[in-house]
Amino acid sequence: MNLQDADANDAGFGARIKSALLWRSGSQIVSQMISWVVTLVVIRLLDPADYGLFAMTQVILNFATFLNGYGLVSALVQSDTLDSHRLRQAFGMMLLLNGGLAVAQLLIAPVAADYYDQPLVADLLRVQALLYLTTPFISIPEALMGRALDFRRPAVVNLIAAAASAAVALTGALLGWGVWTLVFAPMAGFWVKAVGYVLATGFRPIPSFDFRGTGAMVTYGASLLGGQLFWIVQSQADIFIGGRMLDPHELGLYAEALFLTQIFVSKFIPPLNDVAFPAYARMQKDPGRIAWSFCKAVRLLLLISCPVYLGMAVTAVPLVETLFGEKWLPMAPFVAILALAMPFMTLQVMFAPVSNALGRPGLTARIAAVGAVLMPAAFLIGIQFGAIGLAWAWLCSFPLLTAVTAKLAGGPMGLRLSDLVRAAAPGLGCSILMAGAVMAVDSMLPPLPSIARLGLLVPTGAVAFLAALTLCARGTLMELVALVIRRTPPATAAA
């Protein structure tokens, strides 16, 4: 292959990555807009205690989910070749694993209810066991489309699933289902997605239980389990610890503050990582290229996420009252603290697809093991000060965890700490200046309704952030503009 052909292939691959990002992230944004319109209605109708009970069940679901076989799916994406027999084998494994998880959850439901001293938790968990049965029908088609960098078809299915989930949530809240609204709405979305993915890909759900020759796939999937288990311990320890010591109302306030502040990192980063994993896998023989691409991704993502998070921190009171209503105002202090920790979390979770694509899932497990020790220890200390102590545990611990992650995961791709700091500086530095300007304006405003106050502070923050970028990071601003406004390259003259 000559140089011109290589350049053409790189250009074609780059175009596919941009198209994948557009469909994956674009559909995620639209589906989240649908979800949030309904969520704002639902959260005003339900009580914080409903969200506290629901959070207790999520600890069990998330802890069991690490065994649902998604590591096998990652092996399918990462492998060089894929045939129908391997797909049937993977599907058979997924059926056995997730059927077993459903049965296990039925058995553990009363134990969990006793631990939290909330009898309703057992009934919620029994119904939620049906969620596991959707996983095989979602994961295998997802692997097929991920390998092809085809995110158009799943984007359409995801939008339909989001609409179905939103419809059930709105119906349940209006009819007074209470906490059951939070159970049935996501269940509807998962089942619609499962059916839609199978139809969209033409995947024939015929399993094979002859697992001969699957050693490499199982080994790769198993190597990811350690990291996933540690991640579950890290991410669920706060609710597990707080659920036993706090009442459902107070736990609900904390859990919803965490949900609100994690929207960007939990809803928009995973779609980007879905695209990043196969993209990094294609570049695994050129670590220098991966490091350059990673720094560019960090620079652009923090340019978007940092102003959102710091803006959320300094406008927590009017933001919470405007979005959720007066009864949720006690949630504002949690939002203000947790939002400051989220830029570090955004950066930290971006390292996983790089390590996995380089064939180093053990490195991801090591990082997760650090978090599985550091975060629970911080939560055990923080809970001594009540729910607000859990929020402070996030802010005190996550910067340290991010630094450890950068040190461990940056080495294999040749990433220097100085490069990472330079990539993060424009977004974080300009956001700090923006937050200072918003706080100054807020202190000078007379008493106003929350919606009016927020309506003044948000434009103030936007103007301040753009001004800071123009003065301090003009090159980064131009890079962002070039990404958003795609220009057609000039035609080259004929040789």
Protein backbone atom coordinates (compact mmCIF):
# COMPACT_ATOMS: atom_id res chain seq x y z
CA MET A 1 0.00 0.00 0.00
CA ASN A 2 1.43 3.38 -0.99
CA LEU A 3 1.31 6.55 1.06
CA GLN A 4 -1.63 7.97 -0.89
CA ASP A 5 -3.71 4.85 -0.23
CA ALA A 6 -2.80 4.95 3.46
CA ASP A 7 -3.90 8.59 3.69
CA ALA A 8 -7.16 7.71 1.95
CA ASN A 9 -7.77 4.86 4.40
CA ASP A 10 -7.04 7.14 7.36
CA ALA A 11 -9.42 9.74 5.99
CA GLY A 12 -12.13 7.11 5.47
CA PHE A 13 -11.62 5.73 8.97
CA GLY A 14 -11.77 9.25 10.41
CA ALA A 15 -15.02 9.92 8.55
CA ARG A 16 -16.51 6.73 10.00
CA ILE A 17 -15.46 7.77 13.52
CA LYS A 18 -17.10 11.19 13.08
CA SER A 19 -20.26 9.59 11.74
CA ALA A 20 -20.32 7.15 14.65
CA LEU A 21 -19.88 9.95 17.15
CA LEU A 22 -22.65 11.95 15.49
CA TRP A 23 -25.15 9.13 15.59
CA ARG A 24 -24.18 7.72 19.02
CA SER A 25 -23.88 11.02 20.87
CA GLY A 26 -26.61 12.76 18.88
CA SER A 27 -29.15 10.06 19.61
CA GLN A 28 -28.07 10.03 23.25
CA ILE A 29 -28.68 13.77 23.50
CA VAL A 30 -32.12 13.53 21.90
CA SER A 31 -33.16 10.54 24.03
CA GLN A 32 -31.97 12.32 27.15
CA MET A 33 -33.98 15.39 26.19
CA ILE A 34 -37.07 13.19 25.92
CA SER A 35 -36.24 11.53 29.22
CA TRP A 36 -35.58 14.75 31.06
CA VAL A 37 -38.79 16.46 30.00
CA VAL A 38 -40.69 13.56 31.55
CA THR A 39 -38.31 13.27 34.51
CA LEU A 40 -38.95 16.87 35.51
CA VAL A 41 -42.66 16.07 35.68
CA VAL A 42 -42.20 12.74 37.44
CA ILE A 43 -39.79 14.00 40.09
CA ARG A 44 -42.27 16.70 41.11
CA LEU A 45 -44.98 14.07 41.59
CA LEU A 46 -42.91 11.51 43.47
CA ASP A 47 -41.31 11.89 46.90
CA PRO A 48 -37.60 11.76 47.82
CA ALA A 49 -38.35 8.59 49.80
CA ASP A 50 -39.39 6.85 46.55
CA TYR A 51 -35.99 7.61 45.08
CA GLY A 52 -34.30 6.44 48.27
CA LEU A 53 -36.01 3.03 48.10
CA PHE A 54 -35.19 2.76 44.40
CA ALA A 55 -31.53 3.57 45.10
CA MET A 56 -31.38 0.70 47.60
CA THR A 57 -32.45 -1.76 44.89
CA GLN A 58 -29.95 -0.35 42.42
CA VAL A 59 -27.06 -1.41 44.65
CA ILE A 60 -28.13 -5.03 44.24
CA LEU A 61 -28.79 -4.73 40.50
CA ASN A 62 -25.51 -3.00 39.79
CA PHE A 63 -23.55 -5.44 41.91
CA ALA A 64 -25.04 -8.42 40.06
CA THR A 65 -24.71 -6.78 36.65
CA PHE A 66 -20.92 -7.18 36.62
CA LEU A 67 -21.56 -10.90 36.02
CA ASN A 68 -23.94 -10.35 33.09
CA GLY A 69 -21.36 -11.28 30.46
CA TYR A 70 -20.67 -7.95 28.81
CA GLY A 71 -16.97 -8.83 28.97
CA LEU A 72 -17.69 -11.56 26.44
CA VAL A 73 -19.21 -8.93 24.19
CA SER A 74 -16.08 -6.79 24.50
CA ALA A 75 -14.08 -9.82 23.38
CA LEU A 76 -16.22 -10.03 20.24
CA VAL A 77 -15.54 -6.37 19.44
CA GLN A 78 -11.81 -6.68 20.10
CA SER A 79 -11.27 -9.91 18.12
CA ASP A 80 -9.97 -9.84 14.55
CA THR A 81 -12.50 -12.31 13.14
CA LEU A 82 -16.07 -13.23 14.02
CA ASP A 83 -18.29 -16.03 12.68
CA SER A 84 -21.87 -17.11 13.30
CA HIS A 85 -20.85 -20.06 15.49
CA ARG A 86 -18.98 -17.79 17.91
CA LEU A 87 -21.99 -15.50 18.04
CA ARG A 88 -24.26 -18.41 18.92
CA GLN A 89 -21.80 -19.56 21.59
CA ALA A 90 -21.66 -16.07 23.11
CA PHE A 91 -25.45 -15.85 23.03
CA GLY A 92 -25.73 -19.20 24.82
CA MET A 93 -23.33 -18.05 27.52
CA MET A 94 -25.28 -14.80 27.95
CA LEU A 95 -28.56 -16.69 28.37
CA LEU A 96 -27.12 -18.94 31.06
CA LEU A 97 -25.40 -16.13 32.93
CA ASN A 98 -28.36 -13.76 32.96
CA GLY A 99 -30.91 -16.44 33.71
CA GLY A 100 -28.79 -17.40 36.70
CA LEU A 101 -28.60 -13.78 37.83
CA ALA A 102 -32.38 -13.46 37.69
CA VAL A 103 -32.81 -16.53 39.90
CA ALA A 104 -30.09 -15.32 42.29
CA GLN A 105 -31.83 -11.96 42.69
CA LEU A 106 -35.11 -13.67 43.54
CA LEU A 107 -33.31 -15.55 46.32
CA ILE A 108 -31.42 -12.55 47.69
CA ALA A 109 -34.39 -10.16 47.69
CA PRO A 110 -35.58 -10.87 51.27
CA VAL A 111 -32.01 -10.68 52.58
CA ALA A 112 -31.56 -7.23 51.06
CA ALA A 113 -34.88 -6.08 52.53
CA ASP A 114 -33.76 -7.18 55.99
CA TYR A 115 -30.40 -5.39 55.60
CA TYR A 116 -32.08 -2.07 54.76
CA ASP A 117 -35.01 -2.74 57.10
CA GLN A 118 -37.37 -1.89 54.22
CA PRO A 119 -39.77 -4.79 53.35
CA LEU A 120 -40.82 -3.18 50.05
CA VAL A 121 -37.27 -3.58 48.72
CA ALA A 122 -37.84 -7.35 48.38
CA ASP A 123 -40.87 -6.90 46.11
CA LEU A 124 -39.06 -4.33 43.98
CA LEU A 125 -36.08 -6.62 43.48
CA ARG A 126 -38.26 -9.59 42.50
CA VAL A 127 -39.85 -7.63 39.66
CA GLN A 128 -36.54 -6.08 38.58
CA ALA A 129 -35.10 -9.58 38.03
CA LEU A 130 -36.84 -9.48 34.63
CA LEU A 131 -34.30 -6.89 33.49
CA TYR A 132 -31.52 -9.47 33.23
CA LEU A 133 -33.43 -11.43 30.60
CA THR A 134 -33.10 -8.55 28.12
CA THR A 135 -29.29 -8.47 28.25
CA PRO A 136 -28.50 -11.29 25.78
CA PHE A 137 -30.82 -9.77 23.18
CA ILE A 138 -29.21 -6.33 23.54
CA SER A 139 -25.54 -7.17 23.95
CA ILE A 140 -24.91 -9.44 20.94
CA PRO A 141 -26.53 -7.12 18.34
CA GLU A 142 -24.71 -4.25 20.03
CA ALA A 143 -21.40 -6.05 19.47
CA LEU A 144 -22.19 -6.58 15.80
CA MET A 145 -22.99 -2.91 15.24
CA GLY A 146 -20.04 -1.76 17.36
CA ARG A 147 -17.55 -3.76 15.29
CA ALA A 148 -18.90 -2.13 12.14
CA LEU A 149 -18.92 1.33 13.77
CA ASP A 150 -22.60 1.37 12.80
CA PHE A 151 -24.38 3.57 15.29
CA ARG A 152 -27.21 4.74 13.05
CA ARG A 153 -29.47 1.72 13.56
CA PRO A 154 -29.04 1.54 17.35
CA ALA A 155 -29.59 5.29 17.50
CA VAL A 156 -33.06 4.89 16.02
CA VAL A 157 -33.88 1.99 18.36
CA ASN A 158 -32.59 3.92 21.39
CA LEU A 159 -34.85 6.85 20.57
CA ILE A 160 -37.89 4.57 20.36
CA ALA A 161 -36.92 2.88 23.64
CA ALA A 162 -36.47 6.26 25.34
CA ALA A 163 -39.93 7.32 24.19
CA ALA A 164 -41.47 4.09 25.51
CA SER A 165 -39.73 4.45 28.87
CA ALA A 166 -40.79 8.08 29.15
CA ALA A 167 -44.41 7.20 28.37
CA VAL A 168 -44.51 4.54 31.11
CA ALA A 169 -42.84 6.91 33.61
CA LEU A 170 -45.33 9.68 32.93
CA THR A 171 -48.29 7.29 33.13
CA GLY A 172 -47.09 5.78 36.39
CA ALA A 173 -46.45 9.11 38.08
CA LEU A 174 -49.84 10.50 37.08
CA LEU A 175 -51.66 7.35 38.20
CA GLY A 176 -49.92 7.30 41.59
CA TRP A 177 -47.71 4.22 41.19
CA GLY A 178 -45.09 5.78 43.47
CA VAL A 179 -41.75 3.97 43.53
CA TRP A 180 -43.08 1.38 41.06
CA THR A 181 -42.94 4.11 38.42
CA LEU A 182 -39.14 4.01 38.72
CA VAL A 183 -39.16 0.23 38.26
CA PHE A 184 -41.52 -0.16 35.29
CA ALA A 185 -40.23 2.78 33.22
CA PRO A 186 -36.66 1.50 32.64
CA MET A 187 -37.98 -2.04 32.23
CA ALA A 188 -40.14 -0.89 29.32
CA GLY A 189 -37.13 0.82 27.74
CA PHE A 190 -34.91 -2.26 28.02
CA TRP A 191 -37.46 -4.63 26.50
CA VAL A 192 -38.20 -2.28 23.61
CA LYS A 193 -34.45 -1.94 23.01
CA ALA A 194 -33.98 -5.72 23.06
CA VAL A 195 -36.67 -6.32 20.45
CA GLY A 196 -35.51 -3.35 18.36
CA TYR A 197 -31.85 -4.41 18.29
CA VAL A 198 -32.72 -7.93 17.16
CA LEU A 199 -34.95 -6.62 14.39
CA ALA A 200 -32.46 -3.92 13.33
CA THR A 201 -29.51 -6.32 12.94
CA GLY A 202 -31.35 -9.39 11.72
CA PHE A 203 -29.60 -11.35 14.49
CA ARG A 204 -31.05 -14.83 14.85
CA PRO A 205 -31.30 -15.55 18.60
CA ILE A 206 -30.41 -19.23 18.35
CA PRO A 207 -27.97 -20.18 21.13
CA SER A 208 -25.25 -22.80 21.10
CA PHE A 209 -24.35 -24.52 24.34
CA ASP A 210 -21.32 -26.22 22.84
CA PHE A 211 -18.63 -24.03 24.35
CA ARG A 212 -15.60 -25.77 22.88
CA GLY A 213 -13.07 -23.31 21.46
CA THR A 214 -14.29 -20.36 23.52
CA GLY A 215 -11.28 -20.28 25.85
CA ALA A 216 -9.83 -17.02 24.51
CA MET A 217 -13.20 -15.29 24.62
CA VAL A 218 -13.90 -16.44 28.17
CA THR A 219 -10.39 -15.52 29.32
CA TYR A 220 -10.70 -12.00 27.91
CA GLY A 221 -14.16 -11.57 29.41
CA ALA A 222 -13.02 -12.91 32.78
CA SER A 223 -10.07 -10.53 32.80
CA LEU A 224 -12.53 -7.66 32.72
CA LEU A 225 -14.57 -9.01 35.63
CA GLY A 226 -12.08 -7.93 38.27
CA GLY A 227 -12.17 -4.35 37.08
CA GLN A 228 -15.96 -4.40 36.85
CA LEU A 229 -16.34 -5.85 40.33
CA PHE A 230 -14.02 -3.25 41.81
CA TRP A 231 -15.87 -0.52 39.91
CA ILE A 232 -19.21 -1.72 41.34
CA VAL A 233 -17.77 -1.68 44.86
CA GLN A 234 -16.40 1.82 44.28
CA SER A 235 -19.55 3.28 42.74
CA GLN A 236 -22.17 1.61 44.95
CA ALA A 237 -20.47 1.77 48.35
CA ASP A 238 -22.04 5.12 49.21
CA ILE A 239 -25.64 3.90 48.80
CA PHE A 240 -24.82 0.53 50.41
CA ILE A 241 -23.37 2.28 53.46
CA GLY A 242 -25.82 5.18 53.53
CA GLY A 243 -28.89 3.01 52.92
CA ARG A 244 -28.42 1.26 56.26
CA MET A 245 -27.78 4.44 58.26
CA LEU A 246 -30.03 7.03 56.58
CA ASP A 247 -33.81 7.13 56.20
CA PRO A 248 -35.20 6.80 52.64
CA HIS A 249 -36.02 10.53 52.43
CA GLU A 250 -32.48 11.71 53.19
CA LEU A 251 -30.97 8.96 51.05
CA GLY A 252 -33.28 10.00 48.21
CA LEU A 253 -32.03 13.60 48.37
CA TYR A 254 -28.41 12.46 48.19
CA ALA A 255 -29.09 9.87 45.46
CA GLU A 256 -30.90 12.35 43.22
CA ALA A 257 -28.17 14.96 43.71
CA LEU A 258 -25.66 12.35 42.62
CA PHE A 259 -27.85 11.45 39.65
CA LEU A 260 -28.19 15.09 38.61
CA THR A 261 -24.48 15.83 38.83
CA GLN A 262 -23.51 12.60 37.06
CA ILE A 263 -25.74 13.14 34.04
CA PHE A 264 -22.90 14.15 31.74
CA VAL A 265 -20.39 11.54 32.88
CA SER A 266 -22.95 8.69 33.01
CA LYS A 267 -25.07 9.52 29.97
CA PHE A 268 -22.71 11.15 27.47
CA ILE A 269 -19.26 9.71 28.24
CA PRO A 270 -20.30 6.04 27.80
CA PRO A 271 -21.51 6.63 24.21
CA LEU A 272 -18.21 8.35 23.44
CA ASN A 273 -16.34 5.44 25.02
CA ASP A 274 -18.39 3.01 22.92
CA VAL A 275 -16.96 4.69 19.85
CA ALA A 276 -13.52 5.21 21.40
CA PHE A 277 -12.95 1.51 22.22
CA PRO A 278 -13.07 0.16 18.64
CA ALA A 279 -11.28 3.29 17.41
CA TYR A 280 -8.41 2.90 19.89
CA ALA A 281 -8.32 -0.84 19.10
CA ARG A 282 -7.59 0.03 15.45
CA MET A 283 -4.67 2.23 16.60
CA GLN A 284 -3.24 -0.20 19.18
CA LYS A 285 0.02 -0.64 17.23
CA ASP A 286 0.74 3.10 17.43
CA PRO A 287 0.67 4.20 21.13
CA GLY A 288 1.89 7.70 20.25
CA ARG A 289 -1.13 8.23 18.03
CA ILE A 290 -3.40 7.02 20.84
CA ALA A 291 -1.83 9.47 23.33
CA TRP A 292 -2.32 12.38 20.94
CA SER A 293 -5.95 11.39 20.27
CA PHE A 294 -6.60 10.92 23.98
CA CYS A 295 -5.27 14.38 24.88
CA LYS A 296 -7.40 15.95 22.18
CA ALA A 297 -10.48 14.15 23.53
CA VAL A 298 -9.67 15.32 27.07
CA ARG A 299 -9.24 18.92 25.94
CA LEU A 300 -12.55 19.03 24.09
CA LEU A 301 -14.61 17.10 26.65
CA LEU A 302 -13.42 19.17 29.60
CA LEU A 303 -14.11 22.27 27.55
CA ILE A 304 -17.74 21.16 27.58
CA SER A 305 -18.07 19.45 30.96
CA CYS A 306 -16.16 21.84 33.25
CA PRO A 307 -18.35 24.90 32.65
CA VAL A 308 -21.43 22.72 33.11
CA TYR A 309 -20.23 21.30 36.42
CA LEU A 310 -18.82 24.48 37.91
CA GLY A 311 -21.87 26.39 36.74
CA MET A 312 -24.05 23.77 38.43
CA ALA A 313 -22.08 24.17 41.66
CA VAL A 314 -22.50 27.96 41.90
CA THR A 315 -26.19 27.95 40.89
CA ALA A 316 -27.28 24.89 42.88
CA VAL A 317 -30.10 26.56 44.84
CA PRO A 318 -32.00 28.21 41.95
CA LEU A 319 -31.21 25.23 39.71
CA VAL A 320 -32.74 22.66 42.08
CA GLU A 321 -35.82 24.75 42.86
CA THR A 322 -36.44 25.55 39.20
CA LEU A 323 -36.05 21.98 37.97
CA PHE A 324 -37.49 19.93 40.81
CA GLY A 325 -39.63 22.23 42.93
CA GLU A 326 -39.45 23.63 46.42
CA LYS A 327 -39.75 20.28 48.23
CA TRP A 328 -36.38 19.26 46.73
CA LEU A 329 -34.49 22.38 47.93
CA PRO A 330 -32.64 20.44 50.69
CA MET A 331 -30.87 18.68 47.80
CA ALA A 332 -29.01 21.88 46.75
CA PRO A 333 -26.03 21.55 49.18
CA PHE A 334 -25.36 18.04 47.88
CA VAL A 335 -25.42 19.29 44.29
CA ALA A 336 -23.00 22.12 45.03
CA ILE A 337 -20.40 19.75 46.50
CA LEU A 338 -20.81 16.79 44.14
CA ALA A 339 -20.65 18.95 41.01
CA LEU A 340 -17.10 19.98 41.91
CA ALA A 341 -16.00 16.33 41.92
CA MET A 342 -17.46 15.46 38.53
CA PRO A 343 -14.76 16.98 36.24
CA PHE A 344 -12.30 14.57 37.86
CA MET A 345 -14.68 11.65 37.32
CA THR A 346 -15.16 12.66 33.67
CA LEU A 347 -11.41 12.49 33.14
CA GLN A 348 -10.94 9.30 35.11
CA VAL A 349 -13.47 7.18 33.21
CA MET A 350 -11.95 8.16 29.85
CA PHE A 351 -8.90 5.96 30.49
CA ALA A 352 -10.72 2.59 30.53
CA PRO A 353 -11.37 2.17 26.78
CA VAL A 354 -7.72 2.98 26.05
CA SER A 355 -6.41 0.28 28.38
CA ASN A 356 -8.93 -2.29 27.13
CA ALA A 357 -8.21 -1.48 23.46
CA LEU A 358 -4.48 -1.95 24.08
CA GLY A 359 -5.21 -5.42 25.44
CA ARG A 360 -4.49 -4.34 29.02
CA PRO A 361 -7.78 -5.01 30.87
CA GLY A 362 -5.73 -6.00 33.92
CA LEU A 363 -4.61 -2.40 34.18
CA THR A 364 -8.21 -1.26 34.35
CA ALA A 365 -8.74 -3.79 37.12
CA ARG A 366 -5.78 -2.44 39.10
CA ILE A 367 -7.13 1.10 38.87
CA ALA A 368 -10.58 -0.06 39.88
CA ALA A 369 -9.06 -1.92 42.84
CA VAL A 370 -7.56 1.34 44.09
CA GLY A 371 -10.98 2.97 43.82
CA ALA A 372 -12.63 0.02 45.55
CA VAL A 373 -10.44 0.65 48.60
CA LEU A 374 -10.23 4.44 48.52
CA MET A 375 -13.90 5.33 47.96
CA PRO A 376 -15.55 3.00 50.53
CA ALA A 377 -13.02 4.14 53.12
CA ALA A 378 -13.92 7.76 52.37
CA PHE A 379 -17.66 6.96 52.57
CA LEU A 380 -17.25 5.20 55.92
CA ILE A 381 -15.61 8.34 57.26
CA GLY A 382 -18.06 10.68 55.57
CA ILE A 383 -21.23 8.93 56.79
CA GLN A 384 -20.28 9.87 60.34
CA PHE A 385 -21.36 13.40 59.34
CA GLY A 386 -24.60 12.28 57.70
CA ALA A 387 -25.56 12.36 54.03
CA ILE A 388 -23.58 15.55 53.41
CA GLY A 389 -20.47 13.66 54.51
CA LEU A 390 -20.96 11.26 51.58
CA ALA A 391 -20.85 14.23 49.20
CA TRP A 392 -17.65 15.53 50.77
CA ALA A 393 -16.13 12.06 50.45
CA TRP A 394 -16.56 12.32 46.67
CA LEU A 395 -14.86 15.69 46.48
CA CYS A 396 -11.95 14.72 48.71
CA SER A 397 -11.25 11.31 47.16
CA PHE A 398 -11.85 11.54 43.42
CA PRO A 399 -9.03 13.95 42.55
CA LEU A 400 -6.62 11.50 44.19
CA LEU A 401 -8.13 8.55 42.32
CA THR A 402 -7.85 10.44 39.02
CA ALA A 403 -4.17 11.15 39.63
CA VAL A 404 -3.49 7.46 40.34
CA THR A 405 -5.39 6.51 37.17
CA ALA A 406 -3.40 8.92 35.01
CA LYS A 407 -0.14 7.56 36.42
CA LEU A 408 -1.01 3.88 35.87
CA ALA A 409 -2.94 4.07 32.58
CA GLY A 410 -0.89 6.78 30.93
CA GLY A 411 2.31 4.74 30.81
CA PRO A 412 1.36 2.13 28.17
CA MET A 413 0.37 4.82 25.67
CA GLY A 414 3.30 7.10 26.49
CA LEU A 415 1.12 9.80 28.01
CA ARG A 416 3.04 12.35 30.07
CA LEU A 417 1.40 14.07 33.03
CA SER A 418 2.42 17.45 31.64
CA ASP A 419 0.54 16.70 28.40
CA LEU A 420 -2.56 15.77 30.35
CA VAL A 421 -2.39 18.94 32.46
CA ARG A 422 -2.03 21.08 29.32
CA ALA A 423 -5.03 19.32 27.77
CA ALA A 424 -7.20 19.90 30.84
CA ALA A 425 -6.06 23.46 31.56
CA PRO A 426 -8.23 25.44 29.10
CA GLY A 427 -11.54 23.92 30.16
CA LEU A 428 -10.85 23.86 33.89
CA GLY A 429 -9.09 27.25 34.11
CA CYS A 430 -11.68 29.16 32.09
CA SER A 431 -14.49 27.47 34.05
CA ILE A 432 -13.00 28.64 37.35
CA LEU A 433 -12.95 32.21 36.01
CA MET A 434 -16.54 31.77 34.86
CA ALA A 435 -17.66 30.48 38.27
CA GLY A 436 -16.07 33.49 39.96
CA ALA A 437 -17.93 35.87 37.65
CA VAL A 438 -21.26 34.10 38.28
CA MET A 439 -20.78 34.22 42.05
CA ALA A 440 -19.97 37.93 41.87
CA VAL A 441 -23.09 38.71 39.85
CA ASP A 442 -25.23 36.49 42.09
CA SER A 443 -24.11 38.37 45.19
CA MET A 444 -25.28 41.65 43.67
CA LEU A 445 -28.74 40.48 42.60
CA PRO A 446 -31.80 41.44 44.67
CA PRO A 447 -34.19 38.71 45.88
CA LEU A 448 -35.74 37.09 42.80
CA PRO A 449 -37.76 33.97 41.96
CA SER A 450 -35.47 31.02 41.29
CA ILE A 451 -36.33 30.78 37.61
CA ALA A 452 -35.55 34.48 37.09
CA ARG A 453 -32.32 34.22 39.05
CA LEU A 454 -31.24 31.20 37.03
CA GLY A 455 -32.26 32.97 33.84
CA LEU A 456 -29.80 35.76 34.64
CA LEU A 457 -26.93 33.63 35.94
CA VAL A 458 -26.81 31.12 33.07
CA PRO A 459 -26.25 33.73 30.32
CA THR A 460 -23.77 35.48 32.60
CA GLY A 461 -21.79 32.25 32.91
CA ALA A 462 -21.92 31.59 29.17
CA VAL A 463 -20.61 35.07 28.32
CA ALA A 464 -17.93 34.88 31.01
CA PHE A 465 -16.74 31.48 29.81
CA LEU A 466 -16.53 32.55 26.16
CA ALA A 467 -14.70 35.71 27.19
CA ALA A 468 -12.21 33.68 29.24
CA LEU A 469 -11.66 31.30 26.32
CA THR A 470 -11.14 34.17 23.90
CA LEU A 471 -8.60 35.83 26.16
CA CYS A 472 -6.79 32.79 27.55
CA ALA A 473 -7.32 29.86 25.15
CA ARG A 474 -8.19 31.17 21.71
CA GLY A 475 -6.61 28.18 19.95
CA THR A 476 -8.74 25.74 21.91
CA LEU A 477 -11.86 27.78 21.13
CA MET A 478 -11.07 27.65 17.42
CA GLU A 479 -10.55 23.89 17.65
CA LEU A 480 -13.99 23.47 19.22
CA VAL A 481 -15.59 25.70 16.58
CA ALA A 482 -13.91 23.70 13.81
CA LEU A 483 -15.26 20.48 15.31
CA VAL A 484 -18.82 21.80 15.50
CA ILE A 485 -18.81 23.64 12.16
CA ARG A 486 -17.35 21.17 9.72
CA ARG A 487 -15.83 22.94 6.74
CA THR A 488 -15.42 21.39 3.32
CA PRO A 489 -11.72 21.21 2.47
CA PRO A 490 -10.68 23.09 -0.66
CA ALA A 491 -10.29 21.00 -3.80
CA THR A 492 -6.70 20.14 -4.63
CA ALA A 493 -5.31 20.91 -8.06
CA ALA A 494 -4.77 18.04 -10.42
CA ALA A 495 -1.23 16.78 -10.64
